[in-house]
């Protein structure tokens, strides 16, 4: 069994625990969170406020669910102890910070580092992937995506998410990172970026809206995203236009259940003498969290290379975020 610990026991950490304890490949030995008090007791699980005490338990892997400014620091700590790491997104505050892990990974090629780009495991995304890979609808022409919620922070302006020093950014790095990850998954790498970034509504020193358009010269694909914290009715939408059809992913199953029903709609390209044909697939259960946990166990036990949510995937998406921030000259001036 893989002996594991969880660092950070908020909403996401508790959700990870739910699926770790259900999986027979894992033995959960430790949990840490700075808010733990003496009332937390378990015969099998040790509770700490300090994650460094995990080194007393001969762990094989850890799950890190911490604020952005701690992600690289804690990941580095455990990688140096030769312990595998599963870290939630975002992987860092910026590309340069994430790049600092490269030397550690180069020294030990057997270490497994996986990032929680959870949306890749959703039913609608996997269905879209199968349809695109089948090539029955031809090549991708463009992608258009919107992901929005109605606020950036939950507990007020002093929360770390509202402070660039701790978060690295606002809604783009918090939620838009999923859009960029999915666009890269389907469209490959993009090399040209144009953007407009704004914090004119919430007035934090992080953005509450990010509009960006990008182009891949190699594949001749254009993509656009709108990542927003002023979407009063929560929304997730990803439109993928192919030569013979439009694939629309709308809604996504989440813990808040506020993004609507998760479904995928396939709209065929009309012929001269026929109208569009539609197929709709709806997904009623979210298996993404369980699938990620299962995959990480297989990666460790079978010494398999991380393919989804890899360190390179994380580098790619953080580089995209940096480029989007930099391409708005006025916003970039504010970052300095």
C-alpha atoms as a PDB file:
ATOM      1  CA  UNK A   1       0.000   0.000   0.000  1.00  0.00           C
ATOM      2  CA  UNK A   2       1.046   3.579  -0.669  1.00  0.00           C
ATOM      3  CA  UNK A   3       1.504   5.387   2.634  1.00  0.00           C
ATOM      4  CA  UNK A   4       0.258   8.966   2.192  1.00  0.00           C
ATOM      5  CA  UNK A   5      -0.401  12.252   3.959  1.00  0.00           C
ATOM      6  CA  UNK A   6      -2.590  15.265   3.157  1.00  0.00           C
ATOM      7  CA  UNK A   7      -1.295  18.802   3.697  1.00  0.00           C
ATOM      8  CA  UNK A   8      -4.124  21.322   3.884  1.00  0.00           C
ATOM      9  CA  UNK A   9      -7.520  20.129   5.057  1.00  0.00           C
ATOM     10  CA  UNK A  10      -9.973  22.620   3.611  1.00  0.00           C
ATOM     11  CA  UNK A  11     -12.730  21.777   1.128  1.00  0.00           C
ATOM     12  CA  UNK A  12     -10.392  20.225  -1.441  1.00  0.00           C
ATOM     13  CA  UNK A  13      -8.267  18.380   1.118  1.00  0.00           C
ATOM     14  CA  UNK A  14     -11.376  16.825   2.642  1.00  0.00           C
ATOM     15  CA  UNK A  15     -12.600  15.775  -0.793  1.00  0.00           C
ATOM     16  CA  UNK A  16      -9.251  14.148  -1.556  1.00  0.00           C
ATOM     17  CA  UNK A  17      -9.437  12.279   1.758  1.00  0.00           C
ATOM     18  CA  UNK A  18     -12.858  10.893   0.846  1.00  0.00           C
ATOM     19  CA  UNK A  19     -11.464   9.104  -2.205  1.00  0.00           C
ATOM     20  CA  UNK A  20      -8.078   8.204  -0.740  1.00  0.00           C
ATOM     21  CA  UNK A  21      -9.630   6.201   2.104  1.00  0.00           C
ATOM     22  CA  UNK A  22     -11.930   4.417  -0.352  1.00  0.00           C
ATOM     23  CA  UNK A  23      -9.015   3.295  -2.500  1.00  0.00           C
ATOM     24  CA  UNK A  24      -7.323   0.090  -1.361  1.00  0.00           C
ATOM     25  CA  UNK A  25      -3.996   1.169  -2.824  1.00  0.00           C
ATOM     26  CA  UNK A  26      -3.572   3.850  -0.149  1.00  0.00           C
ATOM     27  CA  UNK A  27      -2.985   3.974   3.581  1.00  0.00           C
ATOM     28  CA  UNK A  28      -3.679   7.466   4.932  1.00  0.00           C
ATOM     29  CA  UNK A  29      -1.304   8.068   7.830  1.00  0.00           C
ATOM     30  CA  UNK A  30      -1.170  11.846   8.331  1.00  0.00           C
ATOM     31  CA  UNK A  31      -3.147  15.036   7.832  1.00  0.00           C
ATOM     32  CA  UNK A  32      -1.912  18.549   8.565  1.00  0.00           C
ATOM     33  CA  UNK A  33      -3.653  21.897   8.733  1.00  0.00           C
ATOM     34  CA  UNK A  34      -2.783  25.046  10.660  1.00  0.00           C
ATOM     35  CA  UNK A  35      -6.318  25.233  12.060  1.00  0.00           C
ATOM     36  CA  UNK A  36      -6.268  21.792  13.690  1.00  0.00           C
ATOM     37  CA  UNK A  37      -7.080  21.662  17.388  1.00  0.00           C
ATOM     38  CA  UNK A  38      -6.694  18.921  19.978  1.00  0.00           C
ATOM     39  CA  UNK A  39     -10.250  17.658  19.399  1.00  0.00           C
ATOM     40  CA  UNK A  40      -9.184  15.921  16.184  1.00  0.00           C
ATOM     41  CA  UNK A  41      -8.558  12.293  17.083  1.00  0.00           C
ATOM     42  CA  UNK A  42      -8.110   9.097  15.108  1.00  0.00           C
ATOM     43  CA  UNK A  43      -6.491   5.769  15.904  1.00  0.00           C
ATOM     44  CA  UNK A  44      -5.157   5.376  12.359  1.00  0.00           C
ATOM     45  CA  UNK A  45      -4.495   8.953  11.265  1.00  0.00           C
ATOM     46  CA  UNK A  46      -2.063  11.392  12.874  1.00  0.00           C
ATOM     47  CA  UNK A  47      -3.116  15.064  12.862  1.00  0.00           C
ATOM     48  CA  UNK A  48      -0.573  17.887  12.871  1.00  0.00           C
ATOM     49  CA  UNK A  49      -0.391  21.619  12.415  1.00  0.00           C
ATOM     50  CA  UNK A  50       3.143  21.307  11.019  1.00  0.00           C
ATOM     51  CA  UNK A  51       3.544  19.203   7.829  1.00  0.00           C
ATOM     52  CA  UNK A  52       7.259  18.688   8.546  1.00  0.00           C
ATOM     53  CA  UNK A  53       6.303  16.133  11.203  1.00  0.00           C
ATOM     54  CA  UNK A  54       5.214  13.869   8.354  1.00  0.00           C
ATOM     55  CA  UNK A  55       8.851  12.786   7.973  1.00  0.00           C
ATOM     56  CA  UNK A  56       8.426  10.617  11.087  1.00  0.00           C
ATOM     57  CA  UNK A  57       5.954   8.333   9.282  1.00  0.00           C
ATOM     58  CA  UNK A  58       7.914   6.863   6.362  1.00  0.00           C
ATOM     59  CA  UNK A  59       5.491   8.178   3.732  1.00  0.00           C
ATOM     60  CA  UNK A  60       5.561   7.272   0.047  1.00  0.00           C
ATOM     61  CA  UNK A  61       3.500  10.219  -1.215  1.00  0.00           C
ATOM     62  CA  UNK A  62       1.691  13.373  -0.150  1.00  0.00           C
ATOM     63  CA  UNK A  63      -1.318  15.320  -1.421  1.00  0.00           C
ATOM     64  CA  UNK A  64      -0.842  19.090  -1.199  1.00  0.00           C
ATOM     65  CA  UNK A  65      -3.946  21.303  -1.070  1.00  0.00           C
ATOM     66  CA  UNK A  66      -2.507  24.627   0.048  1.00  0.00           C
ATOM     67  CA  UNK A  67      -2.691  28.309  -0.979  1.00  0.00           C
ATOM     68  CA  UNK A  68      -0.691  29.285  -4.075  1.00  0.00           C
ATOM     69  CA  UNK A  69       2.261  30.842  -2.246  1.00  0.00           C
ATOM     70  CA  UNK A  70       2.962  27.601  -0.376  1.00  0.00           C
ATOM     71  CA  UNK A  71       2.586  25.156  -3.279  1.00  0.00           C
ATOM     72  CA  UNK A  72       6.192  25.189  -4.546  1.00  0.00           C
ATOM     73  CA  UNK A  73       7.731  25.485  -1.085  1.00  0.00           C
ATOM     74  CA  UNK A  74       5.949  22.404   0.266  1.00  0.00           C
ATOM     75  CA  UNK A  75       6.288  20.437  -2.981  1.00  0.00           C
ATOM     76  CA  UNK A  76      10.040  21.091  -2.923  1.00  0.00           C
ATOM     77  CA  UNK A  77      10.276  20.002   0.721  1.00  0.00           C
ATOM     78  CA  UNK A  78       8.814  16.562   0.040  1.00  0.00           C
ATOM     79  CA  UNK A  79      10.510  15.973  -3.309  1.00  0.00           C
ATOM     80  CA  UNK A  80      13.848  16.534  -1.565  1.00  0.00           C
ATOM     81  CA  UNK A  81      12.799  13.802   0.895  1.00  0.00           C
ATOM     82  CA  UNK A  82      12.230  11.459  -2.094  1.00  0.00           C
ATOM     83  CA  UNK A  83       8.476  11.470  -1.538  1.00  0.00           C
ATOM     84  CA  UNK A  84       6.054  11.528  -4.492  1.00  0.00           C
ATOM     85  CA  UNK A  85       3.776  14.564  -4.708  1.00  0.00           C
ATOM     86  CA  UNK A  86       0.245  15.230  -5.923  1.00  0.00           C
ATOM     87  CA  UNK A  87      -0.307  18.998  -5.809  1.00  0.00           C
ATOM     88  CA  UNK A  88      -3.495  20.906  -6.519  1.00  0.00           C
ATOM     89  CA  UNK A  89      -3.620  23.692  -9.087  1.00  0.00           C
ATOM     90  CA  UNK A  90      -2.350  26.319  -9.445  1.00  0.00           C
ATOM     91  CA  UNK A  91       1.126  24.783  -9.193  1.00  0.00           C
ATOM     92  CA  UNK A  92       2.788  28.109  -8.326  1.00  0.00           C
ATOM     93  CA  UNK A  93       2.314  31.878  -8.388  1.00  0.00           C
ATOM     94  CA  UNK A  94       4.191  32.182 -11.688  1.00  0.00           C
ATOM     95  CA  UNK A  95       6.274  30.312 -14.235  1.00  0.00           C
ATOM     96  CA  UNK A  96       9.659  31.249 -12.729  1.00  0.00           C
ATOM     97  CA  UNK A  97       8.681  29.976  -9.286  1.00  0.00           C
ATOM     98  CA  UNK A  98       7.497  26.654 -10.722  1.00  0.00           C
ATOM     99  CA  UNK A  99      10.655  26.308 -12.821  1.00  0.00           C
ATOM    100  CA  UNK A 100      12.699  26.120  -9.608  1.00  0.00           C
ATOM    101  CA  UNK A 101      11.541  22.506  -9.108  1.00  0.00           C
ATOM    102  CA  UNK A 102      13.308  21.348 -12.262  1.00  0.00           C
ATOM    103  CA  UNK A 103      16.703  20.711 -10.636  1.00  0.00           C
ATOM    104  CA  UNK A 104      15.159  18.507  -7.950  1.00  0.00           C
ATOM    105  CA  UNK A 105      13.279  16.422 -10.516  1.00  0.00           C
ATOM    106  CA  UNK A 106      16.361  16.097 -12.727  1.00  0.00           C
ATOM    107  CA  UNK A 107      18.305  14.594  -9.826  1.00  0.00           C
ATOM    108  CA  UNK A 108      15.685  11.890  -9.239  1.00  0.00           C
ATOM    109  CA  UNK A 109      13.874  10.726 -12.371  1.00  0.00           C
ATOM    110  CA  UNK A 110      11.904   8.146 -10.381  1.00  0.00           C
ATOM    111  CA  UNK A 111       9.987  10.777  -8.416  1.00  0.00           C
ATOM    112  CA  UNK A 112       6.365  11.276  -9.458  1.00  0.00           C
ATOM    113  CA  UNK A 113       4.931  14.793  -9.476  1.00  0.00           C
ATOM    114  CA  UNK A 114       1.332  15.171 -10.588  1.00  0.00           C
ATOM    115  CA  UNK A 115      -0.906  18.242 -10.578  1.00  0.00           C
ATOM    116  CA  UNK A 116      -4.654  18.312  -9.992  1.00  0.00           C
ATOM    117  CA  UNK A 117      -6.021  19.591 -13.286  1.00  0.00           C
ATOM    118  CA  UNK A 118      -9.277  17.976 -12.316  1.00  0.00           C
ATOM    119  CA  UNK A 119     -11.399  19.109 -15.268  1.00  0.00           C
ATOM    120  CA  UNK A 120      -9.565  16.766 -17.641  1.00  0.00           C
ATOM    121  CA  UNK A 121     -11.249  13.854 -15.866  1.00  0.00           C
ATOM    122  CA  UNK A 122     -14.828  15.089 -16.223  1.00  0.00           C
ATOM    123  CA  UNK A 123     -17.193  13.028 -18.341  1.00  0.00           C
ATOM    124  CA  UNK A 124     -17.878  15.766 -20.897  1.00  0.00           C
ATOM    125  CA  UNK A 125     -14.163  16.459 -21.405  1.00  0.00           C
ATOM    126  CA  UNK A 126     -13.314  12.792 -21.846  1.00  0.00           C
ATOM    127  CA  UNK A 127     -16.208  12.408 -24.302  1.00  0.00           C
ATOM    128  CA  UNK A 128     -14.957  15.409 -26.297  1.00  0.00           C
ATOM    129  CA  UNK A 129     -11.450  13.961 -26.307  1.00  0.00           C
ATOM    130  CA  UNK A 130     -12.702  10.665 -27.745  1.00  0.00           C
ATOM    131  CA  UNK A 131     -14.705  12.448 -30.443  1.00  0.00           C
ATOM    132  CA  UNK A 132     -11.786  14.646 -31.486  1.00  0.00           C
ATOM    133  CA  UNK A 133      -9.297  11.773 -31.474  1.00  0.00           C
ATOM    134  CA  UNK A 134     -11.627   9.706 -33.675  1.00  0.00           C
ATOM    135  CA  UNK A 135     -11.202  12.375 -36.403  1.00  0.00           C
ATOM    136  CA  UNK A 136     -14.779  11.796 -37.636  1.00  0.00           C
ATOM    137  CA  UNK A 137     -15.394  15.552 -37.463  1.00  0.00           C
ATOM    138  CA  UNK A 138     -12.068  16.602 -38.951  1.00  0.00           C
ATOM    139  CA  UNK A 139      -9.511  19.029 -37.549  1.00  0.00           C
ATOM    140  CA  UNK A 140     -10.027  21.745 -34.949  1.00  0.00           C
ATOM    141  CA  UNK A 141     -10.496  25.243 -36.382  1.00  0.00           C
ATOM    142  CA  UNK A 142     -10.959  27.301 -33.219  1.00  0.00           C
ATOM    143  CA  UNK A 143     -11.908  27.190 -29.542  1.00  0.00           C
ATOM    144  CA  UNK A 144     -13.900  29.615 -27.411  1.00  0.00           C
ATOM    145  CA  UNK A 145     -14.271  29.334 -23.649  1.00  0.00           C
ATOM    146  CA  UNK A 146     -15.937  31.105 -20.724  1.00  0.00           C
ATOM    147  CA  UNK A 147     -15.571  30.263 -17.048  1.00  0.00           C
ATOM    148  CA  UNK A 148     -17.075  32.569 -14.477  1.00  0.00           C
ATOM    149  CA  UNK A 149     -18.236  32.953 -10.919  1.00  0.00           C
ATOM    150  CA  UNK A 150     -19.600  35.854  -8.912  1.00  0.00           C
ATOM    151  CA  UNK A 151     -16.658  36.654  -6.618  1.00  0.00           C
ATOM    152  CA  UNK A 152     -12.947  36.118  -6.057  1.00  0.00           C
ATOM    153  CA  UNK A 153     -12.816  35.686  -2.291  1.00  0.00           C
ATOM    154  CA  UNK A 154     -15.072  34.038   0.251  1.00  0.00           C
ATOM    155  CA  UNK A 155     -14.012  35.553   3.550  1.00  0.00           C
ATOM    156  CA  UNK A 156     -13.300  39.206   2.685  1.00  0.00           C
ATOM    157  CA  UNK A 157     -10.611  41.449   1.267  1.00  0.00           C
ATOM    158  CA  UNK A 158      -7.913  40.194   3.659  1.00  0.00           C
ATOM    159  CA  UNK A 159      -8.122  36.682   2.220  1.00  0.00           C
ATOM    160  CA  UNK A 160      -4.917  35.569   0.448  1.00  0.00           C
ATOM    161  CA  UNK A 161      -6.725  35.224  -2.902  1.00  0.00           C
ATOM    162  CA  UNK A 162      -7.181  39.009  -3.008  1.00  0.00           C
ATOM    163  CA  UNK A 163      -3.475  39.691  -2.540  1.00  0.00           C
ATOM    164  CA  UNK A 164      -1.160  39.207  -5.525  1.00  0.00           C
ATOM    165  CA  UNK A 165       1.806  38.657  -3.202  1.00  0.00           C
ATOM    166  CA  UNK A 166       0.240  35.412  -2.010  1.00  0.00           C
ATOM    167  CA  UNK A 167      -1.933  34.365  -4.941  1.00  0.00           C
ATOM    168  CA  UNK A 168       0.151  35.430  -7.941  1.00  0.00           C
ATOM    169  CA  UNK A 169      -3.038  36.600  -9.656  1.00  0.00           C
ATOM    170  CA  UNK A 170      -6.805  36.629  -9.545  1.00  0.00           C
ATOM    171  CA  UNK A 171      -9.543  34.823 -11.420  1.00  0.00           C
ATOM    172  CA  UNK A 172      -7.252  33.836 -14.299  1.00  0.00           C
ATOM    173  CA  UNK A 173      -4.857  31.814 -12.147  1.00  0.00           C
ATOM    174  CA  UNK A 174      -7.651  30.581  -9.874  1.00  0.00           C
ATOM    175  CA  UNK A 175     -10.268  29.409 -12.368  1.00  0.00           C
ATOM    176  CA  UNK A 176      -9.109  30.416 -15.857  1.00  0.00           C
ATOM    177  CA  UNK A 177      -6.179  28.031 -15.464  1.00  0.00           C
ATOM    178  CA  UNK A 178      -8.633  25.194 -16.174  1.00  0.00           C
ATOM    179  CA  UNK A 179      -9.655  26.808 -19.467  1.00  0.00           C
ATOM    180  CA  UNK A 180      -6.033  27.200 -20.529  1.00  0.00           C
ATOM    181  CA  UNK A 181      -5.285  23.608 -19.587  1.00  0.00           C
ATOM    182  CA  UNK A 182      -8.226  22.300 -21.640  1.00  0.00           C
ATOM    183  CA  UNK A 183      -7.458  24.542 -24.610  1.00  0.00           C
ATOM    184  CA  UNK A 184      -3.878  23.244 -24.580  1.00  0.00           C
ATOM    185  CA  UNK A 185      -5.129  19.675 -24.264  1.00  0.00           C
ATOM    186  CA  UNK A 186      -7.237  19.992 -27.402  1.00  0.00           C
ATOM    187  CA  UNK A 187      -5.415  22.673 -29.383  1.00  0.00           C
ATOM    188  CA  UNK A 188      -1.764  22.091 -28.518  1.00  0.00           C
ATOM    189  CA  UNK A 189       0.711  24.882 -27.816  1.00  0.00           C
ATOM    190  CA  UNK A 190      -0.081  28.527 -28.576  1.00  0.00           C
ATOM    191  CA  UNK A 191       2.597  31.097 -29.364  1.00  0.00           C
ATOM    192  CA  UNK A 192       0.797  34.418 -29.895  1.00  0.00           C
ATOM    193  CA  UNK A 193      -1.224  36.177 -27.199  1.00  0.00           C
ATOM    194  CA  UNK A 194      -3.370  39.315 -26.932  1.00  0.00           C
ATOM    195  CA  UNK A 195      -5.238  40.230 -23.766  1.00  0.00           C
ATOM    196  CA  UNK A 196      -7.141  42.764 -21.693  1.00  0.00           C
ATOM    197  CA  UNK A 197      -7.037  42.415 -17.913  1.00  0.00           C
ATOM    198  CA  UNK A 198      -9.230  44.317 -15.461  1.00  0.00           C
ATOM    199  CA  UNK A 199      -9.877  44.698 -11.742  1.00  0.00           C
ATOM    200  CA  UNK A 200     -12.349  47.574 -12.112  1.00  0.00           C
ATOM    201  CA  UNK A 201     -15.217  45.984 -10.168  1.00  0.00           C
ATOM    202  CA  UNK A 202     -13.846  44.290  -7.036  1.00  0.00           C
ATOM    203  CA  UNK A 203     -10.826  46.640  -6.876  1.00  0.00           C
ATOM    204  CA  UNK A 204      -8.447  44.076  -5.397  1.00  0.00           C
ATOM    205  CA  UNK A 205      -4.844  44.109  -6.590  1.00  0.00           C
ATOM    206  CA  UNK A 206      -5.642  40.977  -8.616  1.00  0.00           C
ATOM    207  CA  UNK A 207      -7.800  40.769 -11.733  1.00  0.00           C
ATOM    208  CA  UNK A 208     -11.522  40.045 -11.688  1.00  0.00           C
ATOM    209  CA  UNK A 209     -11.725  39.733 -15.492  1.00  0.00           C
ATOM    210  CA  UNK A 210      -9.292  38.408 -18.078  1.00  0.00           C
ATOM    211  CA  UNK A 211     -10.055  38.379 -21.808  1.00  0.00           C
ATOM    212  CA  UNK A 212      -7.457  36.697 -23.992  1.00  0.00           C
ATOM    213  CA  UNK A 213      -7.083  35.519 -27.563  1.00  0.00           C
ATOM    214  CA  UNK A 214      -4.273  33.246 -28.690  1.00  0.00           C
ATOM    215  CA  UNK A 215      -3.056  31.632 -31.881  1.00  0.00           C
ATOM    216  CA  UNK A 216      -1.065  28.551 -32.771  1.00  0.00           C
ATOM    217  CA  UNK A 217       0.922  29.238 -35.925  1.00  0.00           C
ATOM    218  CA  UNK A 218       1.861  25.597 -36.299  1.00  0.00           C
ATOM    219  CA  UNK A 219      -1.695  24.226 -36.206  1.00  0.00           C
ATOM    220  CA  UNK A 220      -3.435  27.393 -37.449  1.00  0.00           C
ATOM    221  CA  UNK A 221      -5.837  27.329 -34.473  1.00  0.00           C
ATOM    222  CA  UNK A 222      -7.225  30.407 -32.732  1.00  0.00           C
ATOM    223  CA  UNK A 223      -8.637  30.265 -29.202  1.00  0.00           C
ATOM    224  CA  UNK A 224     -10.250  32.796 -26.896  1.00  0.00           C
ATOM    225  CA  UNK A 225     -11.077  32.770 -23.195  1.00  0.00           C
ATOM    226  CA  UNK A 226     -12.989  34.925 -20.760  1.00  0.00           C
ATOM    227  CA  UNK A 227     -12.157  34.193 -17.133  1.00  0.00           C
ATOM    228  CA  UNK A 228     -14.414  36.266 -14.892  1.00  0.00           C
ATOM    229  CA  UNK A 229     -15.376  36.928 -11.290  1.00  0.00           C
ATOM    230  CA  UNK A 230     -18.339  39.103 -12.318  1.00  0.00           C
ATOM    231  CA  UNK A 231     -20.481  36.304 -13.731  1.00  0.00           C
ATOM    232  CA  UNK A 232     -23.572  36.675 -11.559  1.00  0.00           C
ATOM    233  CA  UNK A 233     -24.932  33.355 -12.792  1.00  0.00           C
ATOM    234  CA  UNK A 234     -22.034  30.915 -12.707  1.00  0.00           C
ATOM    235  CA  UNK A 235     -21.031  29.560 -16.091  1.00  0.00           C
ATOM    236  CA  UNK A 236     -18.734  27.040 -17.751  1.00  0.00           C
ATOM    237  CA  UNK A 237     -18.647  26.777 -21.532  1.00  0.00           C
ATOM    238  CA  UNK A 238     -16.135  25.428 -24.012  1.00  0.00           C
ATOM    239  CA  UNK A 239     -16.936  25.508 -27.730  1.00  0.00           C
ATOM    240  CA  UNK A 240     -14.713  23.522 -30.089  1.00  0.00           C
ATOM    241  CA  UNK A 241     -15.279  24.161 -33.783  1.00  0.00           C
ATOM    242  CA  UNK A 242     -14.124  21.378 -36.088  1.00  0.00           C
ATOM    243  CA  UNK A 243     -14.358  21.050 -39.860  1.00  0.00           C
ATOM    244  CA  UNK A 244     -17.561  19.015 -39.729  1.00  0.00           C
ATOM    245  CA  UNK A 245     -19.146  19.849 -36.378  1.00  0.00           C
ATOM    246  CA  UNK A 246     -19.333  22.126 -33.363  1.00  0.00           C
ATOM    247  CA  UNK A 247     -18.755  20.450 -29.992  1.00  0.00           C
ATOM    248  CA  UNK A 248     -20.129  22.430 -27.049  1.00  0.00           C
ATOM    249  CA  UNK A 249     -19.300  21.549 -23.438  1.00  0.00           C
ATOM    250  CA  UNK A 250     -21.668  23.389 -21.114  1.00  0.00           C
ATOM    251  CA  UNK A 251     -22.092  23.229 -17.363  1.00  0.00           C
ATOM    252  CA  UNK A 252     -19.822  21.241 -15.125  1.00  0.00           C
ATOM    253  CA  UNK A 253     -20.504  19.082 -12.092  1.00  0.00           C
ATOM    254  CA  UNK A 254     -18.921  20.785  -9.087  1.00  0.00           C
ATOM    255  CA  UNK A 255     -19.128  20.787  -5.317  1.00  0.00           C
ATOM    256  CA  UNK A 256     -21.230  23.962  -5.384  1.00  0.00           C
ATOM    257  CA  UNK A 257     -23.568  22.590  -8.085  1.00  0.00           C
ATOM    258  CA  UNK A 258     -23.828  26.166  -9.372  1.00  0.00           C
ATOM    259  CA  UNK A 259     -22.561  25.717 -12.931  1.00  0.00           C
ATOM    260  CA  UNK A 260     -25.546  23.866 -14.291  1.00  0.00           C
ATOM    261  CA  UNK A 261     -25.970  20.369 -15.664  1.00  0.00           C
ATOM    262  CA  UNK A 262     -22.886  18.949 -17.334  1.00  0.00           C
ATOM    263  CA  UNK A 263     -23.536  18.071 -20.953  1.00  0.00           C
ATOM    264  CA  UNK A 264     -21.961  17.955 -24.370  1.00  0.00           C
ATOM    265  CA  UNK A 265     -23.786  18.973 -27.532  1.00  0.00           C
ATOM    266  CA  UNK A 266     -22.605  17.941 -30.991  1.00  0.00           C
ATOM    267  CA  UNK A 267     -23.954  20.141 -33.786  1.00  0.00           C
ATOM    268  CA  UNK A 268     -23.154  18.910 -37.276  1.00  0.00           C
ATOM    269  CA  UNK A 269     -22.108  21.261 -40.056  1.00  0.00           C
ATOM    270  CA  UNK A 270     -25.166  21.880 -42.276  1.00  0.00           C
ATOM    271  CA  UNK A 271     -25.147  20.790 -45.914  1.00  0.00           C
ATOM    272  CA  UNK A 272     -26.734  22.815 -48.697  1.00  0.00           C
ATOM    273  CA  UNK A 273     -29.954  20.823 -48.537  1.00  0.00           C
ATOM    274  CA  UNK A 274     -30.082  19.861 -44.865  1.00  0.00           C
ATOM    275  CA  UNK A 275     -30.300  21.512 -41.444  1.00  0.00           C
ATOM    276  CA  UNK A 276     -27.979  21.075 -38.492  1.00  0.00           C
ATOM    277  CA  UNK A 277     -28.272  17.810 -36.616  1.00  0.00           C
ATOM    278  CA  UNK A 278     -27.805  17.763 -32.849  1.00  0.00           C
ATOM    279  CA  UNK A 279     -26.749  15.084 -30.390  1.00  0.00           C
ATOM    280  CA  UNK A 280     -26.773  15.781 -26.661  1.00  0.00           C
ATOM    281  CA  UNK A 281     -25.063  13.727 -23.968  1.00  0.00           C
ATOM    282  CA  UNK A 282     -25.675  14.537 -20.306  1.00  0.00           C
ATOM    283  CA  UNK A 283     -23.493  13.485 -17.382  1.00  0.00           C
ATOM    284  CA  UNK A 284     -25.141  12.939 -14.009  1.00  0.00           C
ATOM    285  CA  UNK A 285     -22.196  11.878 -11.832  1.00  0.00           C
ATOM    286  CA  UNK A 286     -18.727  13.322 -11.312  1.00  0.00           C
ATOM    287  CA  UNK A 287     -16.097  10.571 -11.277  1.00  0.00           C
ATOM    288  CA  UNK A 288     -13.168  12.955 -11.780  1.00  0.00           C
ATOM    289  CA  UNK A 289     -11.877  12.958  -8.197  1.00  0.00           C
ATOM    290  CA  UNK A 290     -11.920   9.171  -7.948  1.00  0.00           C
ATOM    291  CA  UNK A 291     -10.243   8.755 -11.342  1.00  0.00           C
ATOM    292  CA  UNK A 292      -7.389  11.098 -10.438  1.00  0.00           C
ATOM    293  CA  UNK A 293      -6.734   9.266  -7.182  1.00  0.00           C
ATOM    294  CA  UNK A 294      -6.780   5.889  -8.956  1.00  0.00           C
ATOM    295  CA  UNK A 295      -4.428   7.088 -11.678  1.00  0.00           C
ATOM    296  CA  UNK A 296      -1.871   8.447  -9.210  1.00  0.00           C
ATOM    297  CA  UNK A 297      -1.767   5.078  -7.416  1.00  0.00           C
ATOM    298  CA  UNK A 298      -1.144   3.263 -10.724  1.00  0.00           C
ATOM    299  CA  UNK A 299       1.610   5.734 -11.619  1.00  0.00           C
ATOM    300  CA  UNK A 300       3.440   5.048  -8.354  1.00  0.00           C
ATOM    301  CA  UNK A 301       2.888   1.291  -8.126  1.00  0.00           C
ATOM    302  CA  UNK A 302       3.802   0.633 -11.771  1.00  0.00           C
ATOM    303  CA  UNK A 303       6.471   3.327 -12.101  1.00  0.00           C
ATOM    304  CA  UNK A 304       4.586   4.936 -14.999  1.00  0.00           C
ATOM    305  CA  UNK A 305       5.360   8.361 -16.402  1.00  0.00           C
ATOM    306  CA  UNK A 306       2.828  11.068 -15.473  1.00  0.00           C
ATOM    307  CA  UNK A 307       0.947  11.921 -18.658  1.00  0.00           C
ATOM    308  CA  UNK A 308      -2.008  13.985 -17.435  1.00  0.00           C
ATOM    309  CA  UNK A 309      -1.257  16.815 -15.026  1.00  0.00           C
ATOM    310  CA  UNK A 310       2.485  16.403 -15.506  1.00  0.00           C
ATOM    311  CA  UNK A 311       5.147  18.891 -14.487  1.00  0.00           C
ATOM    312  CA  UNK A 312       5.444  19.874 -18.149  1.00  0.00           C
ATOM    313  CA  UNK A 313       1.671  20.442 -18.335  1.00  0.00           C
ATOM    314  CA  UNK A 314       1.983  22.722 -15.318  1.00  0.00           C
ATOM    315  CA  UNK A 315       4.904  24.636 -16.835  1.00  0.00           C
ATOM    316  CA  UNK A 316       2.993  25.114 -20.087  1.00  0.00           C
ATOM    317  CA  UNK A 317      -0.111  26.535 -18.449  1.00  0.00           C
ATOM    318  CA  UNK A 318       1.841  28.816 -16.086  1.00  0.00           C
ATOM    319  CA  UNK A 319       3.793  30.164 -19.031  1.00  0.00           C
ATOM    320  CA  UNK A 320       0.506  30.907 -20.797  1.00  0.00           C
ATOM    321  CA  UNK A 321      -0.746  32.788 -17.743  1.00  0.00           C
ATOM    322  CA  UNK A 322       2.435  34.867 -17.612  1.00  0.00           C
ATOM    323  CA  UNK A 323       2.114  35.694 -21.314  1.00  0.00           C
ATOM    324  CA  UNK A 324      -1.517  36.754 -20.906  1.00  0.00           C
ATOM    325  CA  UNK A 325      -0.596  39.097 -18.061  1.00  0.00           C
ATOM    326  CA  UNK A 326       2.372  40.489 -20.008  1.00  0.00           C
ATOM    327  CA  UNK A 327       0.454  41.052 -23.230  1.00  0.00           C
ATOM    328  CA  UNK A 328      -1.720  43.703 -21.580  1.00  0.00           C
ATOM    329  CA  UNK A 329       0.895  46.460 -21.303  1.00  0.00           C
ATOM    330  CA  UNK A 330      -1.114  48.614 -18.909  1.00  0.00           C
ATOM    331  CA  UNK A 331      -1.775  45.691 -16.587  1.00  0.00           C
ATOM    332  CA  UNK A 332       1.869  44.640 -16.715  1.00  0.00           C
ATOM    333  CA  UNK A 333       2.913  48.099 -15.524  1.00  0.00           C
ATOM    334  CA  UNK A 334       0.750  47.579 -12.451  1.00  0.00           C
ATOM    335  CA  UNK A 335       2.423  44.240 -11.747  1.00  0.00           C
ATOM    336  CA  UNK A 336       5.870  45.801 -11.389  1.00  0.00           C
END
